[in-house]
Amino acid sequence: MSRNSKHRTPAIAPDSPCPCGLGAAYRDCCGVFHGGRGAAPTAERLMRSRYSAFVVGDAAYLLRTWHSSTRPRALDFDPDIRWTGLEILATSDGSAFHSEGTVEFRAHCRAHGQEDSQHELSRFVREDGRWVYLDAVG
């Protein structure tokens, strides 16, 4: 969902609907996680908060929630991509009772003037007690 280029942060107000699609205000939803006032309780919530971090341009959050063994050194955003919606297609495990889980999703965007999407099956694990993104399966 990123590549090396200039960083762009779209405007999102705290009371705007959260980009993750759950219907709550950003400040009460993914903004809690982005601001460090809580940790995602499930792999799906982490996936949603990471999608929202791409929308708002929060590279620090994305790196913080990436497994130490697969985390890139830096993350830049493509200024020609605007994320427009998230669909969660399937989840496996990833609850408070699990140590790993998967989330299949489709993230919609407008890239270089064209409608596009990214489809991925993401793997999440717990590291130091918190959910983190490990990698894409397949």
Protein backbone atom coordinates (compact mmCIF):
# COMPACT_ATOMS: atom_id res chain seq x y z
CA MET A 1 0.00 0.00 0.00
CA SER A 2 3.00 2.27 -0.18
CA ARG A 3 6.15 2.99 -2.06
CA ASN A 4 9.00 5.46 -1.81
CA SER A 5 7.82 8.98 -2.58
CA LYS A 6 6.78 12.13 -0.80
CA HIS A 7 4.60 11.84 2.30
CA ARG A 8 1.03 13.15 2.01
CA THR A 9 -1.41 13.33 4.88
CA PRO A 10 -5.07 13.84 3.96
CA ALA A 11 -7.14 15.94 6.32
CA ILE A 12 -9.31 13.95 8.69
CA ALA A 13 -11.04 15.56 11.61
CA PRO A 14 -11.34 13.71 14.93
CA ASP A 15 -15.12 13.65 14.57
CA SER A 16 -15.03 12.41 10.94
CA PRO A 17 -16.22 8.86 10.29
CA CYS A 18 -13.32 6.46 10.79
CA PRO A 19 -11.85 5.26 7.48
CA CYS A 20 -11.90 1.64 8.74
CA GLY A 21 -15.64 1.47 8.08
CA LEU A 22 -16.93 0.56 11.54
CA GLY A 23 -19.08 3.69 11.74
CA ALA A 24 -17.57 5.39 14.79
CA ALA A 25 -15.81 8.74 14.80
CA TYR A 26 -12.10 8.54 14.00
CA ARG A 27 -11.10 9.80 17.47
CA ASP A 28 -13.15 7.03 19.15
CA CYS A 29 -12.13 4.27 16.75
CA CYS A 30 -8.72 3.94 15.08
CA GLY A 31 -7.61 7.31 16.43
CA VAL A 32 -7.39 5.67 19.87
CA PHE A 33 -4.82 3.20 18.55
CA HIS A 34 -2.97 5.72 16.39
CA GLY A 35 -2.65 8.07 19.37
CA GLY A 36 -1.29 5.30 21.62
CA ARG A 37 -4.31 5.39 23.96
CA GLY A 38 -5.01 1.71 23.43
CA ALA A 39 -3.98 -1.39 21.52
CA ALA A 40 -6.06 -3.28 18.98
CA PRO A 41 -7.77 -6.17 20.80
CA THR A 42 -8.02 -8.45 17.74
CA ALA A 43 -6.19 -9.07 14.49
CA GLU A 44 -9.15 -7.64 12.55
CA ARG A 45 -9.14 -4.41 14.56
CA LEU A 46 -5.40 -4.12 13.97
CA MET A 47 -5.97 -4.63 10.23
CA ARG A 48 -8.64 -1.93 10.24
CA SER A 49 -6.43 0.47 12.20
CA ARG A 50 -3.51 -0.15 9.84
CA TYR A 51 -5.74 0.59 6.85
CA SER A 52 -6.80 3.82 8.55
CA ALA A 53 -3.14 4.64 9.17
CA PHE A 54 -2.54 4.40 5.42
CA VAL A 55 -5.50 6.74 4.85
CA VAL A 56 -4.21 9.36 7.30
CA GLY A 57 -0.53 8.86 6.48
CA ASP A 58 0.58 7.60 9.90
CA ALA A 59 3.84 5.79 9.04
CA ALA A 60 4.94 5.70 12.68
CA TYR A 61 1.86 3.65 13.65
CA LEU A 62 2.34 1.27 10.74
CA LEU A 63 5.96 0.64 11.69
CA ARG A 64 5.05 0.28 15.39
CA THR A 65 2.47 -2.41 14.52
CA TRP A 66 4.74 -4.37 12.17
CA HIS A 67 6.49 -7.51 13.47
CA SER A 68 10.15 -6.85 14.29
CA SER A 69 11.31 -9.66 11.95
CA THR A 70 9.55 -8.26 8.85
CA ARG A 71 9.36 -4.50 9.60
CA PRO A 72 10.89 -2.26 6.92
CA ARG A 73 13.35 0.43 7.99
CA ALA A 74 11.16 3.21 6.65
CA LEU A 75 7.81 3.71 5.00
CA ASP A 76 6.80 6.36 2.50
CA PHE A 77 3.44 6.93 0.87
CA ASP A 78 2.60 7.33 -2.80
CA PRO A 79 0.97 10.78 -3.11
CA ASP A 80 -1.02 9.59 -6.13
CA ILE A 81 -2.95 6.97 -4.14
CA ARG A 82 -6.08 7.89 -2.20
CA TRP A 83 -7.58 5.04 -0.15
CA THR A 84 -11.37 5.00 -0.51
CA GLY A 85 -12.73 1.96 1.33
CA LEU A 86 -12.01 -1.30 3.12
CA GLU A 87 -13.78 -4.64 2.86
CA ILE A 88 -13.01 -7.41 5.33
CA LEU A 89 -13.61 -10.61 3.38
CA ALA A 90 -12.70 -13.24 5.98
CA THR A 91 -10.97 -13.71 9.32
CA SER A 92 -9.45 -16.74 10.99
CA ASP A 93 -8.56 -16.82 14.68
CA GLY A 94 -7.05 -13.52 15.82
CA SER A 95 -9.22 -13.01 18.91
CA ALA A 96 -8.18 -12.30 22.49
CA PHE A 97 -7.82 -16.08 22.92
CA HIS A 98 -5.40 -16.61 20.02
CA SER A 99 -1.73 -15.91 19.40
CA GLU A 100 -2.07 -15.66 15.62
CA GLY A 101 -4.72 -14.98 13.02
CA THR A 102 -5.38 -14.00 9.44
CA VAL A 103 -7.50 -11.29 7.86
CA GLU A 104 -8.42 -11.33 4.18
CA PHE A 105 -9.28 -7.87 2.91
CA ARG A 106 -9.75 -5.72 -0.15
CA ALA A 107 -8.64 -2.10 0.14
CA HIS A 108 -10.08 0.20 -2.52
CA CYS A 109 -8.25 3.22 -3.83
CA ARG A 110 -7.95 5.75 -6.58
CA ALA A 111 -4.43 5.42 -7.98
CA HIS A 112 -3.02 7.63 -10.71
CA GLY A 113 -6.54 8.58 -11.81
CA GLN A 114 -7.89 5.01 -11.94
CA GLU A 115 -10.05 2.98 -9.56
CA ASP A 116 -8.03 0.10 -8.15
CA SER A 117 -7.87 -2.24 -5.17
CA GLN A 118 -5.44 -4.35 -3.21
CA HIS A 119 -6.49 -7.85 -2.17
CA GLU A 120 -4.44 -9.56 0.53
CA LEU A 121 -4.53 -12.33 3.08
CA SER A 122 -2.55 -10.85 5.99
CA ARG A 123 -1.04 -12.81 8.84
CA PHE A 124 -0.98 -11.34 12.35
CA VAL A 125 0.75 -12.58 15.50
CA ARG A 126 1.28 -11.35 19.02
CA GLU A 127 4.61 -9.77 19.86
CA ASP A 128 5.18 -8.61 23.42
CA GLY A 129 1.48 -9.25 24.06
CA ARG A 130 0.21 -6.98 21.25
CA TRP A 131 -1.16 -7.81 17.84
CA VAL A 132 1.25 -6.98 15.00
CA TYR A 133 1.25 -7.48 11.25
CA LEU A 134 3.63 -10.26 10.21
CA ASP A 135 3.26 -10.66 6.44
CA ALA A 136 1.02 -11.47 3.51
CA VAL A 137 0.22 -15.14 2.89
CA GLY A 138 0.90 -16.45 -0.60
